[in-house]
Amino acid sequence: MIEISHTTKGYSGVMTSDWYGPMPMQNLTVENGVAHFGISNGNPHVPAKTWTAALNGDRLHVKGQVWYGKLDNDAVRGSEADAKARRFHLSNLPSYTALKPDGLAKTPPMGWSSWNKFADHIDDKTVREIADAMVASGLRDAGYRYINIDDGWQGKRAADGSIQPNARFPDMKALADYLHNKGLKLGLYSSPGPKTCAGYEGSYGHVEQDAKTYAAWGIDYLKYDLCSGEAFYQTQAQIRGAYQQMGQALRATGRPIIYSLCEYGRDNVGSWGRSVGGHLWRTTGDISDKYSVMAKLGFDKNGAASNAGPGGWNDPDMLEVGNGGMSEDEYRTHMTLWAMSAAPLLMGHDLRHMDKATSQLLENPGVIAIDQDAKGIQGQAVSKDANTEVWTKALADGSQAVALFNRSKAPQVISFTPAETGFTRISKVTDLWRQQGVATDKRQFKVPAHGAVLLKVTGV
């Protein structure tokens, strides 16, 4: 719906859609019967899109795009009653009340998500086959337990408003039962907005109802992606309130459900993510299968270490290991960086077609142990220059994880000192990727381009 008004101060207008609610027209001008204006979906990192609305008699031809929604159609002149009937009515958000910890996610969640490989082209058969491969490959026994269906599972709502899966998922409870019988857990995806990022049904106006449905199906994990909600949930209070609403709804079901907040690191989410019931919160934009993107997110954009620990984790997004866009050394850096960051380890490749090198990267027990360490410390850089970084992470057994990162395009010799580990004397060093001991006096390591070395260091 397009509403344009004119006063002595100029033109103003609002475009309302089922996807994004009311979106004010930006820089609206009208000349020779054509209105030019910008429309933003509320994301400050996405420039406003340019729109036109050309009047021809009683017809208004509107053309433009916002996010995934495109329009190139005639609009018919309506009455004030029509406008009133079509106006978007914002739901009330709960008053802020901090939720108490529920004991879940004592270590970062581990599992698999469909998005990086399949986007919204996912179905029941593929999910079951991924689950089978998770077990057969040994990944389940290595600690990967969650099978998360990202965007694309949703169908329409029933007459009573309850969300239904689409035809590709004939029985969501049966699918959950299938995974549970294999010692796995099932996750789903939704949005506080009317539509998800790929244009499927969101939870707006049905938050409590959807939470009850997920619990009845046996869902164990929910990723809640701001998507179309960013058009009208824009302040920190609004975004926090929208996430609290679902957090409260999940708690009210009585079912233990991991709650993943995905609002791209806005408004210092790590400082309040736990209080709305979150167990992990995205600190960045989306990852892609490129070293430059992975490195930017992991090294430069992850959240404050002080926000991470048992029960709540900074999330620099899912793993790309095995998708083919990076070298083995670059994927080793990816795993090392996520493990040192105490980040959730959510694989994103096709487990049914996994080579030995990929499985070795993902199943290395020493590396997983660093990520899953009970102390829950997020590692940090203790020294860095233009090409290299040295990170340390205190572990529950009193030892230290030490990671040597080469961010350059050529091999580098990288060293660390006992002082950087907090020890005056080092008594044991283990190379976790090679799974072998290292001389206790060795301080220098040749690290390949875009590569990493991960050590466990014991001392006094």
Protein backbone atom coordinates (compact mmCIF):
# COMPACT_ATOMS: atom_id res chain seq x y z
CA MET A 1 0.00 0.00 0.00
CA ILE A 2 1.28 3.46 -0.97
CA GLU A 3 0.21 6.57 0.96
CA ILE A 4 1.54 9.97 -0.12
CA SER A 5 0.50 13.28 1.40
CA HIS A 6 1.40 16.88 0.57
CA THR A 7 1.65 19.87 2.87
CA THR A 8 3.34 23.25 2.69
CA LYS A 9 6.48 21.51 3.96
CA GLY A 10 6.55 19.15 0.98
CA TYR A 11 5.70 15.53 0.30
CA SER A 12 5.81 12.61 2.71
CA GLY A 13 4.74 9.04 2.35
CA VAL A 14 4.72 5.49 3.65
CA MET A 15 4.78 2.17 1.82
CA THR A 16 3.27 -0.75 3.74
CA SER A 17 3.78 -4.41 2.87
CA ASP A 18 2.93 -7.76 4.41
CA TRP A 19 6.68 -8.47 4.54
CA TYR A 20 8.09 -5.36 6.16
CA GLY A 21 5.20 -3.41 7.61
CA PRO A 22 5.29 0.40 7.32
CA MET A 23 8.40 1.77 5.60
CA PRO A 24 8.74 5.57 5.38
CA MET A 25 9.63 6.98 1.98
CA GLN A 26 13.02 8.65 2.07
CA ASN A 27 13.89 11.78 0.05
CA LEU A 28 10.46 11.79 -1.58
CA THR A 29 10.07 14.13 -4.55
CA VAL A 30 7.25 14.44 -7.10
CA GLU A 31 7.83 15.84 -10.57
CA ASN A 32 5.64 15.57 -13.69
CA GLY A 33 3.40 13.00 -12.05
CA VAL A 34 6.26 10.71 -11.01
CA ALA A 35 7.29 10.18 -7.40
CA HIS A 36 10.90 9.23 -6.68
CA PHE A 37 11.81 7.92 -3.25
CA GLY A 38 14.03 5.55 -1.33
CA ILE A 39 12.91 2.57 0.74
CA SER A 40 15.09 0.93 3.39
CA ASN A 41 14.27 -2.34 5.12
CA GLY A 42 15.78 -0.98 8.31
CA ASN A 43 19.25 -2.47 7.93
CA PRO A 44 21.75 0.40 8.23
CA HIS A 45 24.31 -1.61 6.24
CA VAL A 46 22.00 -2.02 3.22
CA PRO A 47 21.56 1.19 1.18
CA ALA A 48 18.01 2.36 0.55
CA LYS A 49 16.64 1.15 -2.78
CA THR A 50 15.35 3.67 -5.33
CA TRP A 51 11.66 3.45 -6.19
CA THR A 52 9.33 5.22 -8.60
CA ALA A 53 5.55 5.67 -8.59
CA ALA A 54 4.10 7.08 -11.82
CA LEU A 55 0.49 8.32 -11.88
CA ASN A 56 -1.58 7.60 -14.99
CA GLY A 57 -5.22 8.48 -14.41
CA ASP A 58 -6.47 6.37 -11.52
CA ARG A 59 -3.57 3.93 -11.86
CA LEU A 60 -0.26 4.29 -10.08
CA HIS A 61 2.58 2.20 -11.49
CA VAL A 62 5.00 1.31 -8.70
CA LYS A 63 8.44 -0.13 -9.31
CA GLY A 64 11.26 -1.02 -6.93
CA GLN A 65 12.84 -3.58 -4.65
CA VAL A 66 13.44 -4.03 -0.94
CA TRP A 67 15.43 -7.05 0.21
CA TYR A 68 13.93 -10.02 -1.67
CA GLY A 69 10.65 -8.27 -2.41
CA LYS A 70 10.25 -6.82 -5.90
CA LEU A 71 7.34 -4.81 -7.27
CA ASP A 72 6.58 -3.71 -10.82
CA ASN A 73 2.81 -3.36 -10.82
CA ASP A 74 -0.14 -1.01 -11.09
CA ALA A 75 -1.80 0.12 -7.88
CA VAL A 76 -5.46 1.05 -7.82
CA ARG A 77 -6.65 4.18 -6.04
CA GLY A 78 -8.22 3.24 -2.70
CA SER A 79 -10.39 4.91 -0.12
CA GLU A 80 -9.47 5.88 3.43
CA ALA A 81 -11.37 2.78 4.54
CA ASP A 82 -9.15 0.65 2.28
CA ALA A 83 -6.07 2.27 3.78
CA LYS A 84 -7.30 1.71 7.32
CA ALA A 85 -7.96 -1.97 6.61
CA ARG A 86 -4.49 -2.48 5.14
CA ARG A 87 -2.41 -0.58 7.66
CA PHE A 88 0.17 -2.62 9.54
CA HIS A 89 -0.56 -2.86 13.26
CA LEU A 90 2.50 -3.35 15.42
CA SER A 91 2.26 -6.03 18.08
CA ASN A 92 3.02 -5.09 21.67
CA LEU A 93 6.38 -6.22 22.97
CA PRO A 94 6.94 -7.39 26.55
CA SER A 95 8.48 -5.12 29.13
CA TYR A 96 12.13 -5.94 29.71
CA THR A 97 12.59 -8.60 32.37
CA ALA A 98 15.87 -10.48 32.53
CA LEU A 99 15.46 -14.25 32.23
CA LYS A 100 17.49 -16.45 34.55
CA PRO A 101 20.03 -18.95 33.12
CA ASP A 102 18.46 -22.31 32.30
CA GLY A 103 21.60 -24.48 32.41
CA LEU A 104 21.77 -25.14 28.65
CA ALA A 105 24.78 -24.59 26.36
CA LYS A 106 27.44 -25.03 29.01
CA THR A 107 29.80 -25.39 26.07
CA PRO A 108 29.31 -23.99 22.54
CA PRO A 109 26.71 -25.95 20.53
CA MET A 110 28.06 -28.31 17.88
CA GLY A 111 26.21 -29.65 14.87
CA TRP A 112 25.22 -28.91 11.28
CA SER A 113 23.09 -26.32 9.52
CA SER A 114 21.54 -26.54 6.07
CA TRP A 115 22.02 -22.97 4.86
CA ASN A 116 25.65 -22.74 3.69
CA LYS A 117 25.27 -25.66 1.28
CA PHE A 118 21.58 -25.85 0.45
CA ALA A 119 20.15 -22.36 1.18
CA ASP A 120 16.36 -22.83 1.26
CA HIS A 121 16.46 -25.85 -1.08
CA ILE A 122 16.24 -28.40 1.72
CA ASP A 123 13.88 -31.32 2.36
CA ASP A 124 13.07 -34.15 4.76
CA LYS A 125 14.95 -36.78 2.75
CA THR A 126 18.17 -34.73 2.70
CA VAL A 127 17.98 -34.01 6.42
CA ARG A 128 17.57 -37.71 7.21
CA GLU A 129 20.52 -38.57 4.97
CA ILE A 130 22.63 -35.90 6.66
CA ALA A 131 21.71 -37.41 10.02
CA ASP A 132 22.71 -40.86 8.80
CA ALA A 133 26.03 -39.48 7.56
CA MET A 134 26.60 -37.65 10.86
CA VAL A 135 26.45 -40.97 12.67
CA ALA A 136 28.31 -43.09 10.10
CA SER A 137 31.19 -40.61 9.76
CA GLY A 138 31.85 -40.45 13.49
CA LEU A 139 30.93 -36.78 13.69
CA ARG A 140 28.13 -37.44 16.17
CA ASP A 141 30.51 -39.24 18.49
CA ALA A 142 33.00 -36.39 18.06
CA GLY A 143 30.39 -34.06 19.61
CA TYR A 144 28.29 -32.77 16.71
CA ARG A 145 24.68 -33.35 17.74
CA TYR A 146 22.40 -30.67 16.29
CA ILE A 147 20.90 -30.98 12.79
CA ASN A 148 19.48 -27.52 12.08
CA ILE A 149 17.08 -26.80 9.24
CA ASP A 150 17.61 -23.18 8.32
CA ASP A 151 15.26 -21.10 6.15
CA GLY A 152 12.94 -22.90 3.76
CA TRP A 153 10.97 -25.44 5.82
CA GLN A 154 7.92 -23.26 6.46
CA GLY A 155 4.56 -23.63 4.75
CA LYS A 156 1.36 -21.67 5.34
CA ARG A 157 -0.56 -21.32 8.56
CA ALA A 158 -3.61 -23.42 9.34
CA ALA A 159 -7.01 -21.88 10.04
CA ASP A 160 -6.13 -21.66 13.74
CA GLY A 161 -2.91 -19.79 12.93
CA SER A 162 -0.53 -22.67 13.65
CA ILE A 163 2.53 -22.85 11.43
CA GLN A 164 2.70 -25.82 9.06
CA PRO A 165 5.80 -27.22 7.33
CA ASN A 166 5.75 -27.12 3.55
CA ALA A 167 5.33 -30.13 1.28
CA ARG A 168 9.06 -30.94 1.44
CA PHE A 169 8.62 -31.73 5.16
CA PRO A 170 5.53 -33.94 5.48
CA ASP A 171 5.85 -34.67 9.21
CA MET A 172 8.14 -32.57 11.36
CA LYS A 173 7.53 -34.58 14.54
CA ALA A 174 8.40 -37.81 12.73
CA LEU A 175 11.61 -36.18 11.53
CA ALA A 176 12.48 -35.08 15.07
CA ASP A 177 11.81 -38.62 16.31
CA TYR A 178 14.09 -40.02 13.61
CA LEU A 179 16.95 -37.80 14.74
CA HIS A 180 16.34 -38.38 18.43
CA ASN A 181 16.50 -42.14 17.88
CA LYS A 182 19.99 -41.61 16.45
CA GLY A 183 21.18 -39.59 19.42
CA LEU A 184 20.84 -36.32 17.49
CA LYS A 185 18.78 -33.16 17.99
CA LEU A 186 16.68 -31.13 15.55
CA GLY A 187 16.78 -27.38 15.06
CA LEU A 188 14.54 -24.98 13.12
CA TYR A 189 14.65 -21.38 11.93
CA SER A 190 12.24 -18.47 12.12
CA SER A 191 12.07 -14.68 12.30
CA PRO A 192 10.39 -12.12 14.56
CA GLY A 193 9.22 -10.46 11.35
CA PRO A 194 6.32 -11.38 9.04
CA LYS A 195 8.66 -13.09 6.58
CA THR A 196 12.01 -14.85 6.84
CA CYS A 197 15.03 -13.72 4.84
CA ALA A 198 14.10 -16.06 1.97
CA GLY A 199 10.46 -14.99 2.02
CA TYR A 200 8.87 -17.80 4.04
CA GLU A 201 6.44 -17.42 6.92
CA GLY A 202 7.91 -15.68 9.98
CA SER A 203 6.65 -15.72 13.55
CA TYR A 204 5.31 -12.16 13.72
CA GLY A 205 1.95 -12.18 15.51
CA HIS A 206 2.28 -15.88 16.34
CA VAL A 207 5.33 -15.99 18.62
CA GLU A 208 3.87 -17.90 21.55
CA GLN A 209 1.88 -20.16 19.25
CA ASP A 210 4.97 -21.06 17.22
CA ALA A 211 7.00 -21.81 20.35
CA LYS A 212 4.33 -24.27 21.48
CA THR A 213 4.30 -25.89 18.04
CA TYR A 214 8.08 -26.31 18.04
CA ALA A 215 7.97 -27.91 21.47
CA ALA A 216 5.16 -30.28 20.41
CA TRP A 217 7.23 -31.37 17.42
CA GLY A 218 10.23 -32.07 19.65
CA ILE A 219 12.45 -29.25 18.41
CA ASP A 220 15.71 -28.74 20.33
CA TYR A 221 17.15 -25.55 18.80
CA LEU A 222 15.76 -22.35 17.29
CA LYS A 223 17.64 -19.82 15.20
CA TYR A 224 15.71 -16.54 15.23
CA ASP A 225 16.78 -14.27 12.37
CA LEU A 226 15.74 -10.60 12.40
CA CYS A 227 15.12 -10.44 8.61
CA SER A 228 11.90 -8.53 7.83
CA GLY A 229 11.59 -7.55 11.48
CA GLU A 230 14.39 -5.04 11.00
CA ALA A 231 11.98 -2.79 9.11
CA PHE A 232 10.13 -1.88 12.31
CA TYR A 233 12.28 -3.30 15.15
CA GLN A 234 15.10 -0.79 14.85
CA THR A 235 16.03 0.54 18.30
CA GLN A 236 17.91 -1.58 20.82
CA ALA A 237 14.83 -1.69 23.05
CA GLN A 238 12.64 -2.92 20.19
CA ILE A 239 15.11 -5.56 18.99
CA ARG A 240 15.76 -6.76 22.52
CA GLY A 241 12.02 -6.88 23.17
CA ALA A 242 11.36 -8.94 20.04
CA TYR A 243 14.00 -11.47 21.04
CA GLN A 244 12.81 -11.51 24.64
CA GLN A 245 9.29 -12.32 23.47
CA MET A 246 10.44 -15.54 21.81
CA GLY A 247 12.83 -16.29 24.66
CA GLN A 248 9.98 -16.14 27.14
CA ALA A 249 7.76 -18.18 24.84
CA LEU A 250 10.36 -20.95 24.51
CA ARG A 251 10.88 -21.05 28.28
CA ALA A 252 7.11 -21.25 28.82
CA THR A 253 6.90 -24.48 26.81
CA GLY A 254 8.94 -26.31 29.43
CA ARG A 255 11.06 -27.95 26.72
CA PRO A 256 14.85 -27.31 26.77
CA ILE A 257 15.48 -25.48 23.47
CA ILE A 258 18.76 -23.82 22.49
CA TYR A 259 17.98 -20.25 21.43
CA SER A 260 20.21 -18.68 18.77
CA LEU A 261 19.86 -14.91 18.29
CA CYS A 262 20.65 -13.71 14.77
CA GLU A 263 20.51 -9.93 14.50
CA TYR A 264 24.01 -9.54 13.03
CA GLY A 265 25.76 -8.13 16.09
CA ARG A 266 23.68 -4.98 16.43
CA ASP A 267 23.24 -2.94 19.56
CA ASN A 268 25.91 -4.75 21.56
CA VAL A 269 23.84 -7.95 21.59
CA GLY A 270 26.44 -9.80 23.65
CA SER A 271 25.69 -7.56 26.61
CA TRP A 272 22.00 -8.55 26.72
CA GLY A 273 21.71 -11.79 24.75
CA ARG A 274 21.67 -14.01 27.83
CA SER A 275 19.05 -11.90 29.57
CA VAL A 276 16.47 -12.55 26.82
CA GLY A 277 17.08 -16.29 26.98
CA GLY A 278 19.76 -16.52 24.28
CA HIS A 279 22.45 -19.19 24.36
CA LEU A 280 24.39 -17.80 21.39
CA TRP A 281 24.20 -14.58 19.43
CA ARG A 282 25.55 -13.67 16.03
CA THR A 283 28.21 -11.02 16.26
CA THR A 284 28.71 -10.51 12.53
CA GLY A 285 27.13 -10.45 9.10
CA ASP A 286 26.92 -13.65 7.06
CA ILE A 287 29.94 -15.81 6.40
CA SER A 288 30.83 -17.05 2.92
CA ASP A 289 33.27 -19.67 1.66
CA LYS A 290 36.13 -17.22 1.12
CA TYR A 291 39.24 -16.77 3.26
CA SER A 292 38.93 -12.97 3.22
CA VAL A 293 35.37 -13.09 4.59
CA MET A 294 36.05 -15.84 7.14
CA ALA A 295 39.15 -14.05 8.41
CA LYS A 296 37.40 -10.70 8.70
CA LEU A 297 34.61 -12.21 10.78
CA GLY A 298 36.79 -14.40 12.96
CA PHE A 299 39.74 -12.08 13.56
CA ASP A 300 38.21 -8.65 13.35
CA LYS A 301 34.46 -8.80 13.97
CA ASN A 302 33.75 -11.34 16.69
CA GLY A 303 32.26 -10.09 19.93
CA ALA A 304 33.84 -9.09 23.20
CA ALA A 305 35.42 -12.00 25.05
CA SER A 306 33.89 -10.77 28.30
CA ASN A 307 30.42 -11.63 26.97
CA ALA A 308 31.22 -15.29 26.30
CA GLY A 309 31.19 -18.19 28.74
CA PRO A 310 29.15 -21.18 29.87
CA GLY A 311 25.52 -20.64 28.89
CA GLY A 312 26.11 -17.92 26.28
CA TRP A 313 28.47 -17.61 23.32
CA ASN A 314 29.58 -15.14 20.68
CA ASP A 315 28.71 -16.58 17.27
CA PRO A 316 30.82 -15.53 14.24
CA ASP A 317 28.51 -17.68 12.05
CA MET A 318 28.62 -21.22 10.71
CA LEU A 319 31.54 -23.25 9.41
CA GLU A 320 32.38 -23.43 5.72
CA VAL A 321 34.83 -26.33 6.07
CA GLY A 322 34.33 -28.78 3.21
CA ASN A 323 32.45 -26.51 0.84
CA GLY A 324 35.45 -26.11 -1.44
CA GLY A 325 36.09 -22.38 -1.51
CA MET A 326 39.21 -22.41 0.66
CA SER A 327 42.43 -24.41 0.80
CA GLU A 328 43.06 -27.02 3.47
CA ASP A 329 45.37 -24.60 5.30
CA GLU A 330 42.69 -21.91 5.21
CA TYR A 331 40.09 -24.32 6.57
CA ARG A 332 42.56 -25.29 9.31
CA THR A 333 42.76 -21.61 10.22
CA HIS A 334 38.95 -21.48 10.18
CA MET A 335 38.69 -24.35 12.66
CA THR A 336 41.55 -23.07 14.81
CA LEU A 337 40.10 -19.58 15.00
CA TRP A 338 36.60 -20.80 15.87
CA ALA A 339 37.98 -23.21 18.51
CA MET A 340 40.11 -20.50 20.11
CA SER A 341 37.07 -18.20 20.09
CA ALA A 342 34.87 -20.73 21.91
CA ALA A 343 32.53 -20.35 18.95
CA PRO A 344 29.65 -22.68 18.11
CA LEU A 345 30.81 -25.33 15.62
CA LEU A 346 27.97 -25.69 13.13
CA MET A 347 29.10 -27.42 9.97
CA GLY A 348 27.65 -26.28 6.65
CA HIS A 349 28.81 -28.78 4.01
CA ASP A 350 27.23 -31.89 2.52
CA LEU A 351 28.15 -34.65 4.96
CA ARG A 352 27.08 -37.31 2.45
CA HIS A 353 30.04 -36.46 0.20
CA MET A 354 32.90 -35.68 2.59
CA ASP A 355 36.53 -36.43 1.85
CA LYS A 356 39.04 -37.67 4.41
CA ALA A 357 40.80 -34.31 4.74
CA THR A 358 37.53 -32.61 5.67
CA SER A 359 36.58 -35.24 8.23
CA GLN A 360 40.04 -35.03 9.81
CA LEU A 361 39.73 -31.26 10.16
CA LEU A 362 36.30 -31.51 11.75
CA GLU A 363 36.88 -34.52 14.00
CA ASN A 364 40.27 -33.68 15.50
CA PRO A 365 39.68 -34.41 19.21
CA GLY A 366 42.32 -32.01 20.51
CA VAL A 367 40.94 -29.08 18.51
CA ILE A 368 37.36 -29.85 19.55
CA ALA A 369 38.50 -30.03 23.18
CA ILE A 370 39.86 -26.47 22.94
CA ASP A 371 36.50 -25.23 21.66
CA GLN A 372 34.53 -27.24 24.22
CA ASP A 373 36.75 -26.54 27.22
CA ALA A 374 34.67 -26.35 30.39
CA LYS A 375 36.21 -23.07 31.53
CA GLY A 376 34.48 -21.37 28.60
CA ILE A 377 37.12 -18.72 27.94
CA GLN A 378 37.12 -16.94 24.57
CA GLY A 379 40.73 -16.69 23.42
CA GLN A 380 42.30 -13.41 22.40
CA ALA A 381 45.35 -12.11 20.56
CA VAL A 382 48.34 -11.41 22.81
CA SER A 383 50.51 -10.14 19.97
CA LYS A 384 50.02 -9.26 16.32
CA ASP A 385 51.62 -7.47 13.42
CA ALA A 386 50.67 -6.89 9.79
CA ASN A 387 50.99 -10.58 8.90
CA THR A 388 50.77 -12.70 12.04
CA GLU A 389 48.83 -13.10 15.27
CA VAL A 390 49.46 -15.10 18.45
CA TRP A 391 46.40 -16.01 20.49
CA THR A 392 46.11 -17.67 23.89
CA LYS A 393 43.22 -19.26 25.72
CA ALA A 394 43.22 -20.42 29.34
CA LEU A 395 41.92 -23.97 29.81
CA ALA A 396 40.14 -25.66 32.69
CA ASP A 397 43.07 -28.01 33.49
CA GLY A 398 45.45 -25.09 34.03
CA SER A 399 47.12 -25.33 30.62
CA GLN A 400 46.97 -22.81 27.79
CA ALA A 401 45.97 -23.14 24.16
CA VAL A 402 48.30 -21.15 21.91
CA ALA A 403 47.41 -20.43 18.28
CA LEU A 404 49.85 -19.04 15.73
CA PHE A 405 48.08 -17.47 12.76
CA ASN A 406 49.63 -16.43 9.45
CA ARG A 407 47.30 -13.97 7.71
CA SER A 408 49.70 -13.32 4.84
CA LYS A 409 49.99 -14.94 1.42
CA ALA A 410 53.50 -16.29 2.09
CA PRO A 411 54.89 -18.68 4.72
CA GLN A 412 55.94 -17.02 7.96
CA VAL A 413 58.02 -18.06 10.97
CA ILE A 414 55.98 -17.27 14.07
CA SER A 415 57.18 -17.54 17.66
CA PHE A 416 55.69 -17.22 21.11
CA THR A 417 57.21 -16.61 24.54
CA PRO A 418 56.47 -18.32 27.89
CA ALA A 419 55.37 -14.94 29.21
CA GLU A 420 52.59 -14.80 26.61
CA THR A 421 51.22 -18.05 28.03
CA GLY A 422 51.43 -16.86 31.61
CA PHE A 423 54.07 -19.48 32.48
CA THR A 424 57.65 -18.90 33.58
CA ARG A 425 58.68 -22.43 32.58
CA ILE A 426 57.06 -24.69 30.00
CA SER A 427 56.96 -28.41 30.76
CA LYS A 428 54.92 -29.82 27.87
CA VAL A 429 53.87 -28.75 24.38
CA THR A 430 51.48 -30.67 22.10
CA ASP A 431 50.84 -29.83 18.45
CA LEU A 432 47.10 -30.51 18.30
CA TRP A 433 46.76 -30.64 14.52
CA ARG A 434 49.67 -33.09 14.19
CA GLN A 435 48.56 -34.85 17.38
CA GLN A 436 52.14 -35.16 18.61
CA GLY A 437 54.46 -33.72 21.21
CA VAL A 438 56.86 -30.86 20.54
CA ALA A 439 60.18 -30.09 22.24
CA THR A 440 59.48 -27.92 25.26
CA ASP A 441 62.08 -25.37 24.22
CA LYS A 442 60.71 -24.92 20.70
CA ARG A 443 59.38 -21.42 20.25
CA GLN A 444 59.38 -20.90 16.48
CA PHE A 445 57.10 -22.55 13.95
CA LYS A 446 56.93 -22.23 10.18
CA VAL A 447 53.31 -21.51 9.36
CA PRO A 448 52.02 -21.79 5.77
CA ALA A 449 50.25 -18.95 3.98
CA HIS A 450 46.81 -18.35 5.51
CA GLY A 451 47.62 -21.24 7.87
CA ALA A 452 47.65 -21.85 11.60
CA VAL A 453 49.42 -23.91 14.27
CA LEU A 454 47.50 -24.89 17.39
CA LEU A 455 49.38 -25.90 20.54
CA LYS A 456 48.44 -26.99 24.01
CA VAL A 457 51.04 -25.71 26.46
CA THR A 458 51.55 -26.80 30.08
CA GLY A 459 53.88 -25.07 32.49
CA VAL A 460 54.41 -23.43 35.82
